[in-house]
Amino acid sequence: MKVRHFNLEDGKLFVDDYGDFLHINDIILLLKGKRHDKQALVDKYKDSEVDWEKRSHDMNEQCVYLINEILSEI
């Protein structure tokens, strides 16, 4: 499966100048890389008592959940 790259101009979609395609595997690899990075931060701050680290943990945990949901739909 390939996904065509579009630009949004004035509320209308246009194929970019190159007509590039982004392969679905590239999207999956990108999402898995982001999930790995966010999961590392979740693990790093999971037992922290510092307020900003707790917020960071929660935010990154939500990102991991969202990425997992997206990957399950692809």
PDB file of N, CA and C in Angstrom:
ATOM      1  N   MET A   1       0.842  -1.182   0.000  1.00  0.00           N
ATOM      2  CA  MET A   1       0.000   0.000   0.000  1.00  0.00           C
ATOM      3  C   MET A   1       0.879   1.233   0.000  1.00  0.00           C
ATOM      4  N   LYS A   2       0.561   2.201  -0.841  1.00  0.00           N
ATOM      5  CA  LYS A   2       1.294   3.458  -0.876  1.00  0.00           C
ATOM      6  C   LYS A   2       0.336   4.600  -0.577  1.00  0.00           C
ATOM      7  N   VAL A   3       0.864   5.634   0.055  1.00  0.00           N
ATOM      8  CA  VAL A   3       0.080   6.806   0.390  1.00  0.00           C
ATOM      9  C   VAL A   3       0.647   7.975  -0.402  1.00  0.00           C
ATOM     10  N   ARG A   4      -0.197   8.644  -1.143  1.00  0.00           N
ATOM     11  CA  ARG A   4       0.249   9.796  -1.923  1.00  0.00           C
ATOM     12  C   ARG A   4       0.407  10.998  -0.997  1.00  0.00           C
ATOM     13  N   HIS A   5       1.439  11.785  -1.214  1.00  0.00           N
ATOM     14  CA  HIS A   5       1.699  12.974  -0.411  1.00  0.00           C
ATOM     15  C   HIS A   5       0.936  14.152  -0.998  1.00  0.00           C
ATOM     16  N   PHE A   6       0.113  14.795  -0.203  1.00  0.00           N
ATOM     17  CA  PHE A   6      -0.700  15.924  -0.640  1.00  0.00           C
ATOM     18  C   PHE A   6      -0.327  17.176   0.137  1.00  0.00           C
ATOM     19  N   ASN A   7      -0.572  18.299  -0.479  1.00  0.00           N
ATOM     20  CA  ASN A   7      -0.462  19.599   0.189  1.00  0.00           C
ATOM     21  C   ASN A   7      -1.853  20.195   0.291  1.00  0.00           C
ATOM     22  N   LEU A   8      -2.121  20.908   1.369  1.00  0.00           N
ATOM     23  CA  LEU A   8      -3.403  21.560   1.562  1.00  0.00           C
ATOM     24  C   LEU A   8      -3.233  23.043   1.280  1.00  0.00           C
ATOM     25  N   GLU A   9      -3.955  23.545   0.267  1.00  0.00           N
ATOM     26  CA  GLU A   9      -3.885  24.961  -0.086  1.00  0.00           C
ATOM     27  C   GLU A   9      -5.301  25.490  -0.245  1.00  0.00           C
ATOM     28  N   ASP A  10      -5.639  26.508   0.510  1.00  0.00           N
ATOM     29  CA  ASP A  10      -6.956  27.132   0.439  1.00  0.00           C
ATOM     30  C   ASP A  10      -8.081  26.118   0.617  1.00  0.00           C
ATOM     31  N   GLY A  11      -7.878  25.170   1.513  1.00  0.00           N
ATOM     32  CA  GLY A  11      -8.903  24.179   1.800  1.00  0.00           C
ATOM     33  C   GLY A  11      -9.025  23.089   0.751  1.00  0.00           C
ATOM     34  N   LYS A  12      -8.097  23.031  -0.202  1.00  0.00           N
ATOM     35  CA  LYS A  12      -8.137  22.003  -1.246  1.00  0.00           C
ATOM     36  C   LYS A  12      -6.848  21.193  -1.214  1.00  0.00           C
ATOM     37  N   LEU A  13      -6.967  19.914  -1.508  1.00  0.00           N
ATOM     38  CA  LEU A  13      -5.809  19.034  -1.531  1.00  0.00           C
ATOM     39  C   LEU A  13      -5.188  19.003  -2.922  1.00  0.00           C
ATOM     40  N   PHE A  14      -3.868  19.085  -2.966  1.00  0.00           N
ATOM     41  CA  PHE A  14      -3.130  19.006  -4.214  1.00  0.00           C
ATOM     42  C   PHE A  14      -1.971  18.041  -4.041  1.00  0.00           C
ATOM     43  N   VAL A  15      -1.708  17.246  -5.084  1.00  0.00           N
ATOM     44  CA  VAL A  15      -0.515  16.398  -5.071  1.00  0.00           C
ATOM     45  C   VAL A  15       0.683  17.337  -5.130  1.00  0.00           C
ATOM     46  N   ASP A  16       1.725  17.031  -4.355  1.00  0.00           N
ATOM     47  CA  ASP A  16       2.882  17.918  -4.368  1.00  0.00           C
ATOM     48  C   ASP A  16       3.545  17.929  -5.749  1.00  0.00           C
ATOM     49  N   ASP A  17       4.488  18.821  -5.931  1.00  0.00           N
ATOM     50  CA  ASP A  17       5.123  19.013  -7.236  1.00  0.00           C
ATOM     51  C   ASP A  17       5.766  17.751  -7.782  1.00  0.00           C
ATOM     52  N   TYR A  18       6.207  16.882  -6.923  1.00  0.00           N
ATOM     53  CA  TYR A  18       6.917  15.689  -7.351  1.00  0.00           C
ATOM     54  C   TYR A  18       6.001  14.473  -7.479  1.00  0.00           C
ATOM     55  N   GLY A  19       4.787  14.580  -6.984  1.00  0.00           N
ATOM     56  CA  GLY A  19       3.882  13.441  -7.027  1.00  0.00           C
ATOM     57  C   GLY A  19       4.406  12.275  -6.210  1.00  0.00           C
ATOM     58  N   ASP A  20       5.154  12.591  -5.147  1.00  0.00           N
ATOM     59  CA  ASP A  20       5.793  11.551  -4.343  1.00  0.00           C
ATOM     60  C   ASP A  20       4.780  10.651  -3.666  1.00  0.00           C
ATOM     61  N   PHE A  21       5.196   9.427  -3.487  1.00  0.00           N
ATOM     62  CA  PHE A  21       4.435   8.473  -2.702  1.00  0.00           C
ATOM     63  C   PHE A  21       5.230   8.156  -1.445  1.00  0.00           C
ATOM     64  N   LEU A  22       4.520   8.019  -0.362  1.00  0.00           N
ATOM     65  CA  LEU A  22       5.126   7.601   0.898  1.00  0.00           C
ATOM     66  C   LEU A  22       4.620   6.197   1.175  1.00  0.00           C
ATOM     67  N   HIS A  23       5.519   5.249   1.221  1.00  0.00           N
ATOM     68  CA  HIS A  23       5.121   3.860   1.403  1.00  0.00           C
ATOM     69  C   HIS A  23       4.643   3.638   2.834  1.00  0.00           C
ATOM     70  N   ILE A  24       3.637   2.816   2.984  1.00  0.00           N
ATOM     71  CA  ILE A  24       3.046   2.556   4.302  1.00  0.00           C
ATOM     72  C   ILE A  24       4.091   2.007   5.282  1.00  0.00           C
ATOM     73  N   ASN A  25       5.057   1.244   4.785  1.00  0.00           N
ATOM     74  CA  ASN A  25       6.105   0.723   5.672  1.00  0.00           C
ATOM     75  C   ASN A  25       6.951   1.847   6.259  1.00  0.00           C
ATOM     76  N   ASP A  26       7.155   2.925   5.489  1.00  0.00           N
ATOM     77  CA  ASP A  26       7.890   4.077   6.011  1.00  0.00           C
ATOM     78  C   ASP A  26       7.134   4.725   7.164  1.00  0.00           C
ATOM     79  N   ILE A  27       5.827   4.807   7.024  1.00  0.00           N
ATOM     80  CA  ILE A  27       4.995   5.377   8.081  1.00  0.00           C
ATOM     81  C   ILE A  27       5.069   4.504   9.331  1.00  0.00           C
ATOM     82  N   ILE A  28       4.979   3.200   9.144  1.00  0.00           N
ATOM     83  CA  ILE A  28       5.040   2.274  10.277  1.00  0.00           C
ATOM     84  C   ILE A  28       6.390   2.377  10.982  1.00  0.00           C
ATOM     85  N   LEU A  29       7.471   2.423  10.228  1.00  0.00           N
ATOM     86  CA  LEU A  29       8.805   2.535  10.839  1.00  0.00           C
ATOM     87  C   LEU A  29       8.955   3.846  11.597  1.00  0.00           C
ATOM     88  N   LEU A  30       8.434   4.927  11.045  1.00  0.00           N
ATOM     89  CA  LEU A  30       8.497   6.210  11.728  1.00  0.00           C
ATOM     90  C   LEU A  30       7.727   6.157  13.043  1.00  0.00           C
ATOM     91  N   LEU A  31       6.518   5.609  13.013  1.00  0.00           N
ATOM     92  CA  LEU A  31       5.706   5.513  14.230  1.00  0.00           C
ATOM     93  C   LEU A  31       6.358   4.609  15.274  1.00  0.00           C
ATOM     94  N   LYS A  32       6.943   3.501  14.834  1.00  0.00           N
ATOM     95  CA  LYS A  32       7.607   2.603  15.788  1.00  0.00           C
ATOM     96  C   LYS A  32       8.823   3.265  16.420  1.00  0.00           C
ATOM     97  N   GLY A  33       9.545   4.071  15.646  1.00  0.00           N
ATOM     98  CA  GLY A  33      10.683   4.814  16.200  1.00  0.00           C
ATOM     99  C   GLY A  33      10.233   5.817  17.239  1.00  0.00           C
ATOM    100  N   LYS A  34       9.148   6.549  16.935  1.00  0.00           N
ATOM    101  CA  LYS A  34       8.613   7.517  17.895  1.00  0.00           C
ATOM    102  C   LYS A  34       8.107   6.813  19.144  1.00  0.00           C
ATOM    103  N   ARG A  35       7.455   5.661  18.964  1.00  0.00           N
ATOM    104  CA  ARG A  35       6.958   4.908  20.122  1.00  0.00           C
ATOM    105  C   ARG A  35       8.115   4.459  21.007  1.00  0.00           C
ATOM    106  N   HIS A  36       9.190   4.016  20.394  1.00  0.00           N
ATOM    107  CA  HIS A  36      10.367   3.571  21.148  1.00  0.00           C
ATOM    108  C   HIS A  36      10.934   4.734  21.973  1.00  0.00           C
ATOM    109  N   ASP A  37      11.050   5.913  21.353  1.00  0.00           N
ATOM    110  CA  ASP A  37      11.576   7.083  22.061  1.00  0.00           C
ATOM    111  C   ASP A  37      10.679   7.483  23.232  1.00  0.00           C
ATOM    112  N   LYS A  38       9.375   7.511  22.992  1.00  0.00           N
ATOM    113  CA  LYS A  38       8.427   7.896  24.047  1.00  0.00           C
ATOM    114  C   LYS A  38       8.395   6.854  25.161  1.00  0.00           C
ATOM    115  N   GLN A  39       8.488   5.578  24.805  1.00  0.00           N
ATOM    116  CA  GLN A  39       8.485   4.519  25.814  1.00  0.00           C
ATOM    117  C   GLN A  39       9.720   4.622  26.700  1.00  0.00           C
ATOM    118  N   ALA A  40      10.854   4.998  26.126  1.00  0.00           N
ATOM    119  CA  ALA A  40      12.076   5.185  26.920  1.00  0.00           C
ATOM    120  C   ALA A  40      11.874   6.294  27.951  1.00  0.00           C
ATOM    121  N   LEU A  41      11.178   7.363  27.569  1.00  0.00           N
ATOM    122  CA  LEU A  41      10.901   8.443  28.516  1.00  0.00           C
ATOM    123  C   LEU A  41       9.895   8.013  29.574  1.00  0.00           C
ATOM    124  N   VAL A  42       8.920   7.208  29.197  1.00  0.00           N
ATOM    125  CA  VAL A  42       7.958   6.676  30.169  1.00  0.00           C
ATOM    126  C   VAL A  42       8.709   5.861  31.218  1.00  0.00           C
ATOM    127  N   ASP A  43       9.587   4.994  30.766  1.00  0.00           N
ATOM    128  CA  ASP A  43      10.353   4.150  31.692  1.00  0.00           C
ATOM    129  C   ASP A  43      11.282   4.984  32.570  1.00  0.00           C
ATOM    130  N   LYS A  44      11.852   6.037  31.990  1.00  0.00           N
ATOM    131  CA  LYS A  44      12.796   6.872  32.731  1.00  0.00           C
ATOM    132  C   LYS A  44      12.122   7.607  33.892  1.00  0.00           C
ATOM    133  N   TYR A  45      10.909   8.098  33.672  1.00  0.00           N
ATOM    134  CA  TYR A  45      10.251   8.927  34.674  1.00  0.00           C
ATOM    135  C   TYR A  45       9.142   8.212  35.447  1.00  0.00           C
ATOM    136  N   LYS A  46       9.038   6.898  35.318  1.00  0.00           N
ATOM    137  CA  LYS A  46       7.894   6.209  35.923  1.00  0.00           C
ATOM    138  C   LYS A  46       7.866   6.277  37.447  1.00  0.00           C
ATOM    139  N   ASP A  47       9.000   6.320  38.107  1.00  0.00           N
ATOM    140  CA  ASP A  47       9.033   6.335  39.570  1.00  0.00           C
ATOM    141  C   ASP A  47       9.430   7.693  40.141  1.00  0.00           C
ATOM    142  N   SER A  48       9.385   8.728  39.324  1.00  0.00           N
ATOM    143  CA  SER A  48       9.841  10.047  39.753  1.00  0.00           C
ATOM    144  C   SER A  48       8.821  10.702  40.690  1.00  0.00           C
ATOM    145  N   GLU A  49       9.331  11.508  41.593  1.00  0.00           N
ATOM    146  CA  GLU A  49       8.492  12.275  42.513  1.00  0.00           C
ATOM    147  C   GLU A  49       8.458  13.753  42.133  1.00  0.00           C
ATOM    148  N   VAL A  50       9.254  14.143  41.164  1.00  0.00           N
ATOM    149  CA  VAL A  50       9.304  15.535  40.716  1.00  0.00           C
ATOM    150  C   VAL A  50       8.082  15.812  39.840  1.00  0.00           C
ATOM    151  N   ASP A  51       7.440  16.952  40.065  1.00  0.00           N
ATOM    152  CA  ASP A  51       6.165  17.263  39.410  1.00  0.00           C
ATOM    153  C   ASP A  51       6.260  17.272  37.882  1.00  0.00           C
ATOM    154  N   TRP A  52       7.262  17.965  37.321  1.00  0.00           N
ATOM    155  CA  TRP A  52       7.344  18.044  35.865  1.00  0.00           C
ATOM    156  C   TRP A  52       7.663  16.680  35.256  1.00  0.00           C
ATOM    157  N   GLU A  53       8.409  15.855  35.988  1.00  0.00           N
ATOM    158  CA  GLU A  53       8.727  14.511  35.490  1.00  0.00           C
ATOM    159  C   GLU A  53       7.483  13.624  35.511  1.00  0.00           C
ATOM    160  N   LYS A  54       6.619  13.815  36.504  1.00  0.00           N
ATOM    161  CA  LYS A  54       5.348  13.078  36.542  1.00  0.00           C
ATOM    162  C   LYS A  54       4.477  13.465  35.349  1.00  0.00           C
ATOM    163  N   ARG A  55       4.409  14.780  35.073  1.00  0.00           N
ATOM    164  CA  ARG A  55       3.623  15.251  33.921  1.00  0.00           C
ATOM    165  C   ARG A  55       4.209  14.723  32.616  1.00  0.00           C
ATOM    166  N   SER A  56       5.531  14.722  32.535  1.00  0.00           N
ATOM    167  CA  SER A  56       6.199  14.203  31.343  1.00  0.00           C
ATOM    168  C   SER A  56       5.894  12.718  31.170  1.00  0.00           C
ATOM    169  N   HIS A  57       5.926  11.980  32.269  1.00  0.00           N
ATOM    170  CA  HIS A  57       5.608  10.552  32.228  1.00  0.00           C
ATOM    171  C   HIS A  57       4.201  10.336  31.701  1.00  0.00           C
ATOM    172  N   ASP A  58       3.242  11.086  32.238  1.00  0.00           N
ATOM    173  CA  ASP A  58       1.848  10.930  31.822  1.00  0.00           C
ATOM    174  C   ASP A  58       1.647  11.292  30.358  1.00  0.00           C
ATOM    175  N   MET A  59       2.259  12.396  29.926  1.00  0.00           N
ATOM    176  CA  MET A  59       2.130  12.831  28.545  1.00  0.00           C
ATOM    177  C   MET A  59       2.733  11.798  27.586  1.00  0.00           C
ATOM    178  N   ASN A  60       3.911  11.298  27.925  1.00  0.00           N
ATOM    179  CA  ASN A  60       4.564  10.314  27.069  1.00  0.00           C
ATOM    180  C   ASN A  60       3.815   8.984  27.065  1.00  0.00           C
ATOM    181  N   GLU A  61       3.220   8.642  28.183  1.00  0.00           N
ATOM    182  CA  GLU A  61       2.413   7.424  28.247  1.00  0.00           C
ATOM    183  C   GLU A  61       1.196   7.542  27.321  1.00  0.00           C
ATOM    184  N   GLN A  62       0.587   8.719  27.283  1.00  0.00           N
ATOM    185  CA  GLN A  62      -0.539   8.949  26.380  1.00  0.00           C
ATOM    186  C   GLN A  62      -0.094   8.880  24.922  1.00  0.00           C
ATOM    187  N   CYS A  63       1.087   9.398  24.626  1.00  0.00           N
ATOM    188  CA  CYS A  63       1.628   9.323  23.263  1.00  0.00           C
ATOM    189  C   CYS A  63       1.845   7.874  22.842  1.00  0.00           C
ATOM    190  N   VAL A  64       2.403   7.071  23.728  1.00  0.00           N
ATOM    191  CA  VAL A  64       2.621   5.656  23.421  1.00  0.00           C
ATOM    192  C   VAL A  64       1.289   4.969  23.151  1.00  0.00           C
ATOM    193  N   TYR A  65       0.287   5.267  23.962  1.00  0.00           N
ATOM    194  CA  TYR A  65      -1.039   4.684  23.768  1.00  0.00           C
ATOM    195  C   TYR A  65      -1.612   5.076  22.401  1.00  0.00           C
ATOM    196  N   LEU A  66      -1.509   6.367  22.062  1.00  0.00           N
ATOM    197  CA  LEU A  66      -2.028   6.844  20.785  1.00  0.00           C
ATOM    198  C   LEU A  66      -1.301   6.198  19.612  1.00  0.00           C
ATOM    199  N   ILE A  67       0.004   6.124  19.687  1.00  0.00           N
ATOM    200  CA  ILE A  67       0.776   5.492  18.612  1.00  0.00           C
ATOM    201  C   ILE A  67       0.391   4.028  18.464  1.00  0.00           C
ATOM    202  N   ASN A  68       0.197   3.331  19.572  1.00  0.00           N
ATOM    203  CA  ASN A  68      -0.239   1.936  19.511  1.00  0.00           C
ATOM    204  C   ASN A  68      -1.609   1.811  18.841  1.00  0.00           C
ATOM    205  N   GLU A  69      -2.505   2.743  19.153  1.00  0.00           N
ATOM    206  CA  GLU A  69      -3.830   2.728  18.522  1.00  0.00           C
ATOM    207  C   GLU A  69      -3.732   2.951  17.013  1.00  0.00           C
ATOM    208  N   ILE A  70      -2.898   3.885  16.618  1.00  0.00           N
ATOM    209  CA  ILE A  70      -2.712   4.167  15.188  1.00  0.00           C
ATOM    210  C   ILE A  70      -2.106   2.966  14.484  1.00  0.00           C
ATOM    211  N   LEU A  71      -1.076   2.383  15.095  1.00  0.00           N
ATOM    212  CA  LEU A  71      -0.435   1.206  14.482  1.00  0.00           C
ATOM    213  C   LEU A  71      -1.397   0.031  14.369  1.00  0.00           C
ATOM    214  N   SER A  72      -2.313  -0.100  15.308  1.00  0.00           N
ATOM    215  CA  SER A  72      -3.268  -1.220  15.241  1.00  0.00           C
ATOM    216  C   SER A  72      -4.272  -1.030  14.108  1.00  0.00           C
ATOM    217  N   GLU A  73      -4.448   0.207  13.634  1.00  0.00           N
ATOM    218  CA  GLU A  73      -5.378   0.486  12.544  1.00  0.00           C
ATOM    219  C   GLU A  73      -4.726   0.387  11.168  1.00  0.00           C
ATOM    220  N   ILE A  74      -3.415   0.423  11.136  1.00  0.00           N
ATOM    221  CA  ILE A  74      -2.719   0.380   9.838  1.00  0.00           C
ATOM    222  C   ILE A  74      -2.635  -1.044   9.319  1.00  0.00           C
TER     223      ILE A  74
END
